[in-house]
Amino acid sequence: MKTILVVEDDKNQLLLYEQELSIEGYNVITAKDGQEAVRKVKEQMPDLIVMDINMPKMNGIESISSILSDHRKIPIIINTAYSSYKDNFMSWSADAYIIKSSDLRELKSKIKELIG
């Protein structure tokens, strides 16, 4: 079973992603901010990360940089409400950039494309 780390500071969205991805057959671990995400990657290496950008303590761009410095091969999907970060060259290190939606088909499709 593939493991996905979902990093999201909104508890309702985090719960939605956790439920929907579990139904799809993935093992889902969660983090509420970038610092927790970095710690979780060290504890349990995920097969893929779904990362929000705007979060407390450490934002998504900072945590992506920290994670990829140690684990270059982990696919990362930036999942944010803000399209403006797409032009930030630091976000280019992610494998995909998806604008948040209540319809998770695009996110699920990208996950399947990246890890099966």
PDB file of N, CA and C in Angstrom:
ATOM      1  N   MET A   1       0.839  -1.182   0.000  1.00  0.00           N
ATOM      2  CA  MET A   1       0.000   0.000   0.000  1.00  0.00           C
ATOM      3  C   MET A   1       0.885   1.246   0.000  1.00  0.00           C
ATOM      4  N   LYS A   2       0.620   2.156  -0.912  1.00  0.00           N
ATOM      5  CA  LYS A   2       1.397   3.393  -1.020  1.00  0.00           C
ATOM      6  C   LYS A   2       0.992   4.365   0.087  1.00  0.00           C
ATOM      7  N   THR A   3       1.984   5.096   0.604  1.00  0.00           N
ATOM      8  CA  THR A   3       1.743   6.050   1.686  1.00  0.00           C
ATOM      9  C   THR A   3       1.840   7.467   1.156  1.00  0.00           C
ATOM     10  N   ILE A   4       0.845   8.284   1.498  1.00  0.00           N
ATOM     11  CA  ILE A   4       0.806   9.687   1.105  1.00  0.00           C
ATOM     12  C   ILE A   4       0.825  10.542   2.363  1.00  0.00           C
ATOM     13  N   LEU A   5       1.719  11.529   2.382  1.00  0.00           N
ATOM     14  CA  LEU A   5       1.740  12.530   3.447  1.00  0.00           C
ATOM     15  C   LEU A   5       0.962  13.735   2.947  1.00  0.00           C
ATOM     16  N   VAL A   6      -0.116  14.092   3.643  1.00  0.00           N
ATOM     17  CA  VAL A   6      -0.910  15.269   3.297  1.00  0.00           C
ATOM     18  C   VAL A   6      -0.587  16.352   4.310  1.00  0.00           C
ATOM     19  N   VAL A   7      -0.129  17.507   3.810  1.00  0.00           N
ATOM     20  CA  VAL A   7       0.255  18.618   4.669  1.00  0.00           C
ATOM     21  C   VAL A   7      -0.731  19.756   4.429  1.00  0.00           C
ATOM     22  N   GLU A   8      -1.538  20.051   5.444  1.00  0.00           N
ATOM     23  CA  GLU A   8      -2.633  21.020   5.311  1.00  0.00           C
ATOM     24  C   GLU A   8      -2.973  21.573   6.685  1.00  0.00           C
ATOM     25  N   ASP A   9      -3.031  22.904   6.806  1.00  0.00           N
ATOM     26  CA  ASP A   9      -3.319  23.497   8.115  1.00  0.00           C
ATOM     27  C   ASP A   9      -4.810  23.639   8.405  1.00  0.00           C
ATOM     28  N   ASP A  10      -5.668  23.524   7.393  1.00  0.00           N
ATOM     29  CA  ASP A  10      -7.111  23.582   7.610  1.00  0.00           C
ATOM     30  C   ASP A  10      -7.607  22.185   7.990  1.00  0.00           C
ATOM     31  N   LYS A  11      -8.095  22.040   9.231  1.00  0.00           N
ATOM     32  CA  LYS A  11      -8.439  20.705   9.732  1.00  0.00           C
ATOM     33  C   LYS A  11      -9.560  20.038   8.943  1.00  0.00           C
ATOM     34  N   ASN A  12     -10.516  20.821   8.420  1.00  0.00           N
ATOM     35  CA  ASN A  12     -11.609  20.229   7.638  1.00  0.00           C
ATOM     36  C   ASN A  12     -11.106  19.697   6.292  1.00  0.00           C
ATOM     37  N   GLN A  13     -10.259  20.479   5.631  1.00  0.00           N
ATOM     38  CA  GLN A  13      -9.687  20.003   4.369  1.00  0.00           C
ATOM     39  C   GLN A  13      -8.797  18.800   4.604  1.00  0.00           C
ATOM     40  N   LEU A  14      -8.031  18.831   5.678  1.00  0.00           N
ATOM     41  CA  LEU A  14      -7.149  17.703   6.005  1.00  0.00           C
ATOM     42  C   LEU A  14      -7.970  16.430   6.193  1.00  0.00           C
ATOM     43  N   LEU A  15      -9.076  16.528   6.902  1.00  0.00           N
ATOM     44  CA  LEU A  15      -9.953  15.385   7.122  1.00  0.00           C
ATOM     45  C   LEU A  15     -10.540  14.884   5.798  1.00  0.00           C
ATOM     46  N   LEU A  16     -10.975  15.807   4.942  1.00  0.00           N
ATOM     47  CA  LEU A  16     -11.519  15.444   3.633  1.00  0.00           C
ATOM     48  C   LEU A  16     -10.487  14.671   2.814  1.00  0.00           C
ATOM     49  N   TYR A  17      -9.269  15.210   2.711  1.00  0.00           N
ATOM     50  CA  TYR A  17      -8.215  14.546   1.936  1.00  0.00           C
ATOM     51  C   TYR A  17      -7.899  13.177   2.525  1.00  0.00           C
ATOM     52  N   GLU A  18      -7.808  13.108   3.843  1.00  0.00           N
ATOM     53  CA  GLU A  18      -7.482  11.846   4.504  1.00  0.00           C
ATOM     54  C   GLU A  18      -8.550  10.789   4.189  1.00  0.00           C
ATOM     55  N   GLN A  19      -9.817  11.165   4.288  1.00  0.00           N
ATOM     56  CA  GLN A  19     -10.902  10.218   4.013  1.00  0.00           C
ATOM     57  C   GLN A  19     -10.927   9.799   2.546  1.00  0.00           C
ATOM     58  N   GLU A  20     -10.867  10.771   1.655  1.00  0.00           N
ATOM     59  CA  GLU A  20     -10.966  10.477   0.220  1.00  0.00           C
ATOM     60  C   GLU A  20      -9.801   9.623  -0.272  1.00  0.00           C
ATOM     61  N   LEU A  21      -8.587   9.928   0.181  1.00  0.00           N
ATOM     62  CA  LEU A  21      -7.421   9.170  -0.277  1.00  0.00           C
ATOM     63  C   LEU A  21      -7.363   7.783   0.351  1.00  0.00           C
ATOM     64  N   SER A  22      -7.889   7.649   1.561  1.00  0.00           N
ATOM     65  CA  SER A  22      -7.978   6.325   2.192  1.00  0.00           C
ATOM     66  C   SER A  22      -8.944   5.436   1.411  1.00  0.00           C
ATOM     67  N   ILE A  23     -10.053   6.013   0.971  1.00  0.00           N
ATOM     68  CA  ILE A  23     -11.032   5.277   0.159  1.00  0.00           C
ATOM     69  C   ILE A  23     -10.386   4.794  -1.144  1.00  0.00           C
ATOM     70  N   GLU A  24      -9.452   5.593  -1.674  1.00  0.00           N
ATOM     71  CA  GLU A  24      -8.754   5.226  -2.917  1.00  0.00           C
ATOM     72  C   GLU A  24      -7.720   4.116  -2.691  1.00  0.00           C
ATOM     73  N   GLY A  25      -7.498   3.743  -1.411  1.00  0.00           N
ATOM     74  CA  GLY A  25      -6.598   2.640  -1.113  1.00  0.00           C
ATOM     75  C   GLY A  25      -5.200   3.047  -0.657  1.00  0.00           C
ATOM     76  N   TYR A  26      -5.023   4.326  -0.332  1.00  0.00           N
ATOM     77  CA  TYR A  26      -3.720   4.790   0.135  1.00  0.00           C
ATOM     78  C   TYR A  26      -3.667   4.822   1.658  1.00  0.00           C
ATOM     79  N   ASN A  27      -2.466   4.602   2.194  1.00  0.00           N
ATOM     80  CA  ASN A  27      -2.207   4.843   3.609  1.00  0.00           C
ATOM     81  C   ASN A  27      -1.908   6.340   3.727  1.00  0.00           C
ATOM     82  N   VAL A  28      -2.668   7.060   4.532  1.00  0.00           N
ATOM     83  CA  VAL A  28      -2.524   8.512   4.613  1.00  0.00           C
ATOM     84  C   VAL A  28      -1.996   8.907   5.979  1.00  0.00           C
ATOM     85  N   ILE A  29      -0.890   9.663   5.967  1.00  0.00           N
ATOM     86  CA  ILE A  29      -0.397  10.292   7.184  1.00  0.00           C
ATOM     87  C   ILE A  29      -0.546  11.796   6.987  1.00  0.00           C
ATOM     88  N   THR A  30      -0.680  12.528   8.076  1.00  0.00           N
ATOM     89  CA  THR A  30      -0.976  13.961   7.957  1.00  0.00           C
ATOM     90  C   THR A  30      -0.025  14.810   8.779  1.00  0.00           C
ATOM     91  N   ALA A  31       0.075  16.074   8.359  1.00  0.00           N
ATOM     92  CA  ALA A  31       0.833  17.079   9.091  1.00  0.00           C
ATOM     93  C   ALA A  31       0.084  18.402   8.958  1.00  0.00           C
ATOM     94  N   LYS A  32       0.103  19.216  10.018  1.00  0.00           N
ATOM     95  CA  LYS A  32      -0.648  20.473  10.038  1.00  0.00           C
ATOM     96  C   LYS A  32       0.185  21.693   9.662  1.00  0.00           C
ATOM     97  N   ASP A  33       1.496  21.512   9.501  1.00  0.00           N
ATOM     98  CA  ASP A  33       2.368  22.610   9.081  1.00  0.00           C
ATOM     99  C   ASP A  33       3.662  22.035   8.512  1.00  0.00           C
ATOM    100  N   GLY A  34       4.485  22.920   7.957  1.00  0.00           N
ATOM    101  CA  GLY A  34       5.713  22.485   7.309  1.00  0.00           C
ATOM    102  C   GLY A  34       6.708  21.821   8.245  1.00  0.00           C
ATOM    103  N   GLN A  35       6.817  22.328   9.470  1.00  0.00           N
ATOM    104  CA  GLN A  35       7.745  21.721  10.430  1.00  0.00           C
ATOM    105  C   GLN A  35       7.360  20.284  10.734  1.00  0.00           C
ATOM    106  N   GLU A  36       6.063  20.067  10.952  1.00  0.00           N
ATOM    107  CA  GLU A  36       5.585  18.719  11.229  1.00  0.00           C
ATOM    108  C   GLU A  36       5.808  17.810  10.018  1.00  0.00           C
ATOM    109  N   ALA A  37       5.653  18.366   8.818  1.00  0.00           N
ATOM    110  CA  ALA A  37       5.868  17.589   7.592  1.00  0.00           C
ATOM    111  C   ALA A  37       7.304  17.092   7.505  1.00  0.00           C
ATOM    112  N   VAL A  38       8.260  17.966   7.769  1.00  0.00           N
ATOM    113  CA  VAL A  38       9.678  17.589   7.721  1.00  0.00           C
ATOM    114  C   VAL A  38       9.949  16.472   8.730  1.00  0.00           C
ATOM    115  N   ARG A  39       9.375  16.608   9.914  1.00  0.00           N
ATOM    116  CA  ARG A  39       9.554  15.592  10.960  1.00  0.00           C
ATOM    117  C   ARG A  39       8.923  14.253  10.536  1.00  0.00           C
ATOM    118  N   LYS A  40       7.724  14.306   9.968  1.00  0.00           N
ATOM    119  CA  LYS A  40       7.023  13.073   9.561  1.00  0.00           C
ATOM    120  C   LYS A  40       7.790  12.341   8.463  1.00  0.00           C
ATOM    121  N   VAL A  41       8.397  13.071   7.538  1.00  0.00           N
ATOM    122  CA  VAL A  41       9.174  12.434   6.461  1.00  0.00           C
ATOM    123  C   VAL A  41      10.351  11.662   7.055  1.00  0.00           C
ATOM    124  N   LYS A  42      10.963  12.213   8.092  1.00  0.00           N
ATOM    125  CA  LYS A  42      12.078  11.521   8.747  1.00  0.00           C
ATOM    126  C   LYS A  42      11.608  10.276   9.483  1.00  0.00           C
ATOM    127  N   GLU A  43      10.385  10.327  10.053  1.00  0.00           N
ATOM    128  CA  GLU A  43       9.843   9.198  10.817  1.00  0.00           C
ATOM    129  C   GLU A  43       9.338   8.080   9.910  1.00  0.00           C
ATOM    130  N   GLN A  44       8.637   8.444   8.848  1.00  0.00           N
ATOM    131  CA  GLN A  44       8.015   7.454   7.961  1.00  0.00           C
ATOM    132  C   GLN A  44       8.043   7.994   6.535  1.00  0.00           C
ATOM    133  N   MET A  45       8.947   7.467   5.732  1.00  0.00           N
ATOM    134  CA  MET A  45       9.132   7.943   4.362  1.00  0.00           C
ATOM    135  C   MET A  45       7.880   7.699   3.527  1.00  0.00           C
ATOM    136  N   PRO A  46       7.196   8.763   3.073  1.00  0.00           N
ATOM    137  CA  PRO A  46       6.015   8.570   2.224  1.00  0.00           C
ATOM    138  C   PRO A  46       6.416   8.318   0.773  1.00  0.00           C
ATOM    139  N   ASP A  47       5.478   7.789   0.005  1.00  0.00           N
ATOM    140  CA  ASP A  47       5.697   7.588  -1.424  1.00  0.00           C
ATOM    141  C   ASP A  47       5.416   8.864  -2.204  1.00  0.00           C
ATOM    142  N   LEU A  48       4.621   9.769  -1.599  1.00  0.00           N
ATOM    143  CA  LEU A  48       4.244  11.030  -2.250  1.00  0.00           C
ATOM    144  C   LEU A  48       3.800  12.006  -1.171  1.00  0.00           C
ATOM    145  N   ILE A  49       3.978  13.307  -1.448  1.00  0.00           N
ATOM    146  CA  ILE A  49       3.545  14.358  -0.518  1.00  0.00           C
ATOM    147  C   ILE A  49       2.595  15.299  -1.242  1.00  0.00           C
ATOM    148  N   VAL A  50       1.465  15.604  -0.584  1.00  0.00           N
ATOM    149  CA  VAL A  50       0.549  16.640  -1.048  1.00  0.00           C
ATOM    150  C   VAL A  50       0.736  17.805  -0.084  1.00  0.00           C
ATOM    151  N   MET A  51       1.221  18.956  -0.604  1.00  0.00           N
ATOM    152  CA  MET A  51       1.679  20.054   0.246  1.00  0.00           C
ATOM    153  C   MET A  51       0.917  21.349  -0.008  1.00  0.00           C
ATOM    154  N   ASP A  52       0.360  21.907   1.064  1.00  0.00           N
ATOM    155  CA  ASP A  52      -0.207  23.251   1.003  1.00  0.00           C
ATOM    156  C   ASP A  52       0.959  24.245   1.039  1.00  0.00           C
ATOM    157  N   ILE A  53       0.696  25.509   0.689  1.00  0.00           N
ATOM    158  CA  ILE A  53       1.764  26.515   0.713  1.00  0.00           C
ATOM    159  C   ILE A  53       1.668  27.401   1.961  1.00  0.00           C
ATOM    160  N   ASN A  54       0.530  28.074   2.129  1.00  0.00           N
ATOM    161  CA  ASN A  54       0.366  29.008   3.248  1.00  0.00           C
ATOM    162  C   ASN A  54       0.004  28.257   4.518  1.00  0.00           C
ATOM    163  N   MET A  55       1.008  28.127   5.422  1.00  0.00           N
ATOM    164  CA  MET A  55       0.811  27.425   6.685  1.00  0.00           C
ATOM    165  C   MET A  55       1.623  28.112   7.765  1.00  0.00           C
ATOM    166  N   PRO A  56       1.243  27.913   9.025  1.00  0.00           N
ATOM    167  CA  PRO A  56       2.021  28.490  10.123  1.00  0.00           C
ATOM    168  C   PRO A  56       3.355  27.765  10.323  1.00  0.00           C
ATOM    169  N   LYS A  57       4.231  28.360  11.080  1.00  0.00           N
ATOM    170  CA  LYS A  57       5.542  27.823  11.480  1.00  0.00           C
ATOM    171  C   LYS A  57       6.522  27.730  10.321  1.00  0.00           C
ATOM    172  N   MET A  58       6.233  26.921   9.311  1.00  0.00           N
ATOM    173  CA  MET A  58       7.101  26.795   8.142  1.00  0.00           C
ATOM    174  C   MET A  58       6.177  26.599   6.944  1.00  0.00           C
ATOM    175  N   ASN A  59       6.300  27.474   5.941  1.00  0.00           N
ATOM    176  CA  ASN A  59       5.389  27.354   4.798  1.00  0.00           C
ATOM    177  C   ASN A  59       5.794  26.184   3.895  1.00  0.00           C
ATOM    178  N   GLY A  60       4.941  25.909   2.916  1.00  0.00           N
ATOM    179  CA  GLY A  60       5.153  24.760   2.043  1.00  0.00           C
ATOM    180  C   GLY A  60       6.426  24.830   1.224  1.00  0.00           C
ATOM    181  N   ILE A  61       6.762  26.021   0.726  1.00  0.00           N
ATOM    182  CA  ILE A  61       7.978  26.172  -0.087  1.00  0.00           C
ATOM    183  C   ILE A  61       9.215  25.846   0.748  1.00  0.00           C
ATOM    184  N   GLU A  62       9.262  26.358   1.983  1.00  0.00           N
ATOM    185  CA  GLU A  62      10.402  26.093   2.868  1.00  0.00           C
ATOM    186  C   GLU A  62      10.504  24.602   3.204  1.00  0.00           C
ATOM    187  N   SER A  63       9.360  23.983   3.479  1.00  0.00           N
ATOM    188  CA  SER A  63       9.405  22.573   3.850  1.00  0.00           C
ATOM    189  C   SER A  63       9.752  21.689   2.646  1.00  0.00           C
ATOM    190  N   ILE A  64       9.281  22.057   1.447  1.00  0.00           N
ATOM    191  CA  ILE A  64       9.663  21.313   0.238  1.00  0.00           C
ATOM    192  C   ILE A  64      11.178  21.354   0.063  1.00  0.00           C
ATOM    193  N   SER A  65      11.751  22.534   0.228  1.00  0.00           N
ATOM    194  CA  SER A  65      13.197  22.694   0.095  1.00  0.00           C
ATOM    195  C   SER A  65      13.936  21.815   1.102  1.00  0.00           C
ATOM    196  N   SER A  66      13.470  21.816   2.338  1.00  0.00           N
ATOM    197  CA  SER A  66      14.103  21.023   3.389  1.00  0.00           C
ATOM    198  C   SER A  66      13.981  19.526   3.101  1.00  0.00           C
ATOM    199  N   ILE A  67      12.804  19.085   2.689  1.00  0.00           N
ATOM    200  CA  ILE A  67      12.570  17.664   2.415  1.00  0.00           C
ATOM    201  C   ILE A  67      13.391  17.205   1.213  1.00  0.00           C
ATOM    202  N   LEU A  68      13.381  17.981   0.129  1.00  0.00           N
ATOM    203  CA  LEU A  68      14.094  17.566  -1.080  1.00  0.00           C
ATOM    204  C   LEU A  68      15.609  17.603  -0.924  1.00  0.00           C
ATOM    205  N   SER A  69      16.099  18.374   0.036  1.00  0.00           N
ATOM    206  CA  SER A  69      17.557  18.394   0.253  1.00  0.00           C
ATOM    207  C   SER A  69      18.044  17.032   0.758  1.00  0.00           C
ATOM    208  N   ASP A  70      17.168  16.289   1.445  1.00  0.00           N
ATOM    209  CA  ASP A  70      17.527  14.957   1.944  1.00  0.00           C
ATOM    210  C   ASP A  70      16.944  13.818   1.115  1.00  0.00           C
ATOM    211  N   HIS A  71      15.809  14.072   0.472  1.00  0.00           N
ATOM    212  CA  HIS A  71      15.079  13.009  -0.231  1.00  0.00           C
ATOM    213  C   HIS A  71      14.621  13.518  -1.597  1.00  0.00           C
ATOM    214  N   ARG A  72      15.501  13.542  -2.549  1.00  0.00           N
ATOM    215  CA  ARG A  72      15.226  14.143  -3.858  1.00  0.00           C
ATOM    216  C   ARG A  72      14.170  13.425  -4.687  1.00  0.00           C
ATOM    217  N   LYS A  73      13.926  12.158  -4.399  1.00  0.00           N
ATOM    218  CA  LYS A  73      13.057  11.367  -5.277  1.00  0.00           C
ATOM    219  C   LYS A  73      11.592  11.332  -4.856  1.00  0.00           C
ATOM    220  N   ILE A  74      11.232  11.946  -3.736  1.00  0.00           N
ATOM    221  CA  ILE A  74       9.830  11.924  -3.305  1.00  0.00           C
ATOM    222  C   ILE A  74       9.012  12.850  -4.207  1.00  0.00           C
ATOM    223  N   PRO A  75       7.995  12.325  -4.887  1.00  0.00           N
ATOM    224  CA  PRO A  75       7.133  13.206  -5.680  1.00  0.00           C
ATOM    225  C   PRO A  75       6.320  14.126  -4.754  1.00  0.00           C
ATOM    226  N   ILE A  76       6.224  15.398  -5.147  1.00  0.00           N
ATOM    227  CA  ILE A  76       5.486  16.378  -4.352  1.00  0.00           C
ATOM    228  C   ILE A  76       4.465  17.079  -5.236  1.00  0.00           C
ATOM    229  N   ILE A  77       3.234  17.141  -4.729  1.00  0.00           N
ATOM    230  CA  ILE A  77       2.174  17.898  -5.393  1.00  0.00           C
ATOM    231  C   ILE A  77       1.874  19.111  -4.525  1.00  0.00           C
ATOM    232  N   ILE A  78       2.063  20.289  -5.076  1.00  0.00           N
ATOM    233  CA  ILE A  78       1.638  21.497  -4.377  1.00  0.00           C
ATOM    234  C   ILE A  78       0.135  21.618  -4.590  1.00  0.00           C
ATOM    235  N   ASN A  79      -0.589  21.739  -3.491  1.00  0.00           N
ATOM    236  CA  ASN A  79      -2.049  21.837  -3.531  1.00  0.00           C
ATOM    237  C   ASN A  79      -2.436  23.094  -2.753  1.00  0.00           C
ATOM    238  N   THR A  80      -2.715  24.169  -3.472  1.00  0.00           N
ATOM    239  CA  THR A  80      -2.941  25.456  -2.823  1.00  0.00           C
ATOM    240  C   THR A  80      -4.108  26.198  -3.444  1.00  0.00           C
ATOM    241  N   ALA A  81      -4.639  27.138  -2.697  1.00  0.00           N
ATOM    242  CA  ALA A  81      -5.738  27.968  -3.209  1.00  0.00           C
ATOM    243  C   ALA A  81      -5.206  29.125  -4.051  1.00  0.00           C
ATOM    244  N   TYR A  82      -3.900  29.318  -4.065  1.00  0.00           N
ATOM    245  CA  TYR A  82      -3.298  30.487  -4.705  1.00  0.00           C
ATOM    246  C   TYR A  82      -2.538  30.123  -5.975  1.00  0.00           C
ATOM    247  N   SER A  83      -2.988  30.647  -7.092  1.00  0.00           N
ATOM    248  CA  SER A  83      -2.292  30.376  -8.359  1.00  0.00           C
ATOM    249  C   SER A  83      -1.015  31.198  -8.472  1.00  0.00           C
ATOM    250  N   SER A  84      -0.876  32.245  -7.670  1.00  0.00           N
ATOM    251  CA  SER A  84       0.278  33.146  -7.779  1.00  0.00           C
ATOM    252  C   SER A  84       1.610  32.455  -7.492  1.00  0.00           C
ATOM    253  N   TYR A  85       1.596  31.400  -6.701  1.00  0.00           N
ATOM    254  CA  TYR A  85       2.849  30.711  -6.379  1.00  0.00           C
ATOM    255  C   TYR A  85       3.387  29.904  -7.548  1.00  0.00           C
ATOM    256  N   LYS A  86       2.561  29.679  -8.556  1.00  0.00           N
ATOM    257  CA  LYS A  86       2.993  28.878  -9.703  1.00  0.00           C
ATOM    258  C   LYS A  86       4.186  29.519 -10.410  1.00  0.00           C
ATOM    259  N   ASP A  87       4.290  30.842 -10.343  1.00  0.00           N
ATOM    260  CA  ASP A  87       5.390  31.556 -10.981  1.00  0.00           C
ATOM    261  C   ASP A  87       6.634  31.639 -10.098  1.00  0.00           C
ATOM    262  N   ASN A  88       6.524  31.225  -8.845  1.00  0.00           N
ATOM    263  CA  ASN A  88       7.656  31.244  -7.921  1.00  0.00           C
ATOM    264  C   ASN A  88       8.577  30.075  -8.289  1.00  0.00           C
ATOM    265  N   PHE A  89       9.803  30.384  -8.659  1.00  0.00           N
ATOM    266  CA  PHE A  89      10.704  29.318  -9.128  1.00  0.00           C
ATOM    267  C   PHE A  89      10.924  28.240  -8.073  1.00  0.00           C
ATOM    268  N   MET A  90      10.744  28.558  -6.798  1.00  0.00           N
ATOM    269  CA  MET A  90      10.906  27.545  -5.749  1.00  0.00           C
ATOM    270  C   MET A  90       9.824  26.469  -5.845  1.00  0.00           C
ATOM    271  N   SER A  91       8.671  26.806  -6.397  1.00  0.00           N
ATOM    272  CA  SER A  91       7.600  25.807  -6.530  1.00  0.00           C
ATOM    273  C   SER A  91       7.861  24.856  -7.703  1.00  0.00           C
ATOM    274  N   TRP A  92       8.798  25.211  -8.572  1.00  0.00           N
ATOM    275  CA  TRP A  92       9.098  24.377  -9.737  1.00  0.00           C
ATOM    276  C   TRP A  92       9.699  23.037  -9.353  1.00  0.00           C
ATOM    277  N   SER A  93      10.223  22.917  -8.133  1.00  0.00           N
ATOM    278  CA  SER A  93      10.800  21.647  -7.706  1.00  0.00           C
ATOM    279  C   SER A  93       9.716  20.597  -7.431  1.00  0.00           C
ATOM    280  N   ALA A  94       8.467  21.048  -7.341  1.00  0.00           N
ATOM    281  CA  ALA A  94       7.358  20.105  -7.147  1.00  0.00           C
ATOM    282  C   ALA A  94       7.038  19.422  -8.476  1.00  0.00           C
ATOM    283  N   ASP A  95       6.450  18.242  -8.386  1.00  0.00           N
ATOM    284  CA  ASP A  95       6.109  17.475  -9.582  1.00  0.00           C
ATOM    285  C   ASP A  95       4.792  17.921 -10.208  1.00  0.00           C
ATOM    286  N   ALA A  96       3.962  18.600  -9.418  1.00  0.00           N
ATOM    287  CA  ALA A  96       2.680  19.093  -9.926  1.00  0.00           C
ATOM    288  C   ALA A  96       2.217  20.266  -9.071  1.00  0.00           C
ATOM    289  N   TYR A  97       1.380  21.092  -9.655  1.00  0.00           N
ATOM    290  CA  TYR A  97       0.829  22.265  -8.981  1.00  0.00           C
ATOM    291  C   TYR A  97      -0.667  22.268  -9.253  1.00  0.00           C
ATOM    292  N   ILE A  98      -1.457  22.076  -8.208  1.00  0.00           N
ATOM    293  CA  ILE A  98      -2.907  21.971  -8.366  1.00  0.00           C
ATOM    294  C   ILE A  98      -3.587  23.022  -7.499  1.00  0.00           C
ATOM    295  N   ILE A  99      -4.554  23.720  -8.098  1.00  0.00           N
ATOM    296  CA  ILE A  99      -5.341  24.693  -7.351  1.00  0.00           C
ATOM    297  C   ILE A  99      -6.422  23.921  -6.590  1.00  0.00           C
ATOM    298  N   LYS A 100      -6.548  24.214  -5.281  1.00  0.00           N
ATOM    299  CA  LYS A 100      -7.507  23.507  -4.431  1.00  0.00           C
ATOM    300  C   LYS A 100      -8.922  23.622  -4.983  1.00  0.00           C
ATOM    301  N   SER A 101      -9.651  22.530  -4.806  1.00  0.00           N
ATOM    302  CA  SER A 101     -11.039  22.468  -5.239  1.00  0.00           C
ATOM    303  C   SER A 101     -11.762  21.448  -4.358  1.00  0.00           C
ATOM    304  N   SER A 102     -13.063  21.613  -4.214  1.00  0.00           N
ATOM    305  CA  SER A 102     -13.832  20.605  -3.472  1.00  0.00           C
ATOM    306  C   SER A 102     -13.955  19.325  -4.297  1.00  0.00           C
ATOM    307  N   ASP A 103     -13.721  19.422  -5.602  1.00  0.00           N
ATOM    308  CA  ASP A 103     -13.693  18.273  -6.493  1.00  0.00           C
ATOM    309  C   ASP A 103     -12.257  17.744  -6.534  1.00  0.00           C
ATOM    310  N   LEU A 104     -12.034  16.584  -5.979  1.00  0.00           N
ATOM    311  CA  LEU A 104     -10.676  16.059  -5.841  1.00  0.00           C
ATOM    312  C   LEU A 104     -10.234  15.186  -7.016  1.00  0.00           C
ATOM    313  N   ARG A 105     -10.999  15.176  -8.101  1.00  0.00           N
ATOM    314  CA  ARG A 105     -10.632  14.316  -9.240  1.00  0.00           C
ATOM    315  C   ARG A 105      -9.263  14.659  -9.812  1.00  0.00           C
ATOM    316  N   GLU A 106      -8.951  15.950  -9.973  1.00  0.00           N
ATOM    317  CA  GLU A 106      -7.647  16.326 -10.532  1.00  0.00           C
ATOM    318  C   GLU A 106      -6.518  15.870  -9.613  1.00  0.00           C
ATOM    319  N   LEU A 107      -6.673  16.081  -8.314  1.00  0.00           N
ATOM    320  CA  LEU A 107      -5.656  15.660  -7.350  1.00  0.00           C
ATOM    321  C   LEU A 107      -5.479  14.147  -7.372  1.00  0.00           C
ATOM    322  N   LYS A 108      -6.571  13.412  -7.334  1.00  0.00           N
ATOM    323  CA  LYS A 108      -6.498  11.945  -7.351  1.00  0.00           C
ATOM    324  C   LYS A 108      -5.857  11.441  -8.639  1.00  0.00           C
ATOM    325  N   SER A 109      -6.193  12.063  -9.746  1.00  0.00           N
ATOM    326  CA  SER A 109      -5.626  11.671 -11.041  1.00  0.00           C
ATOM    327  C   SER A 109      -4.112  11.893 -11.056  1.00  0.00           C
ATOM    328  N   LYS A 110      -3.678  13.031 -10.534  1.00  0.00           N
ATOM    329  CA  LYS A 110      -2.236  13.335 -10.502  1.00  0.00           C
ATOM    330  C   LYS A 110      -1.500  12.361  -9.578  1.00  0.00           C
ATOM    331  N   ILE A 111      -2.111  12.018  -8.460  1.00  0.00           N
ATOM    332  CA  ILE A 111      -1.495  11.049  -7.545  1.00  0.00           C
ATOM    333  C   ILE A 111      -1.318   9.715  -8.260  1.00  0.00           C
ATOM    334  N   LYS A 112      -2.364   9.238  -8.939  1.00  0.00           N
ATOM    335  CA  LYS A 112      -2.270   7.963  -9.667  1.00  0.00           C
ATOM    336  C   LYS A 112      -1.183   8.025 -10.738  1.00  0.00           C
ATOM    337  N   GLU A 113      -1.092   9.163 -11.413  1.00  0.00           N
ATOM    338  CA  GLU A 113      -0.080   9.334 -12.452  1.00  0.00           C
ATOM    339  C   GLU A 113       1.336   9.231 -11.858  1.00  0.00           C
ATOM    340  N   LEU A 114       1.527   9.798 -10.671  1.00  0.00           N
ATOM    341  CA  LEU A 114       2.874   9.857 -10.086  1.00  0.00           C
ATOM    342  C   LEU A 114       3.273   8.581  -9.339  1.00  0.00           C
ATOM    343  N   ILE A 115       2.329   7.915  -8.671  1.00  0.00           N
ATOM    344  CA  ILE A 115       2.712   6.728  -7.893  1.00  0.00           C
ATOM    345  C   ILE A 115       1.855   5.496  -8.156  1.00  0.00           C
ATOM    346  N   GLY A 116       0.854   5.620  -8.989  1.00  0.00           N
ATOM    347  CA  GLY A 116       0.029   4.453  -9.306  1.00  0.00           C
ATOM    348  C   GLY A 116      -1.001   4.127  -8.265  1.00  0.00           C
TER     349      GLY A 116
END
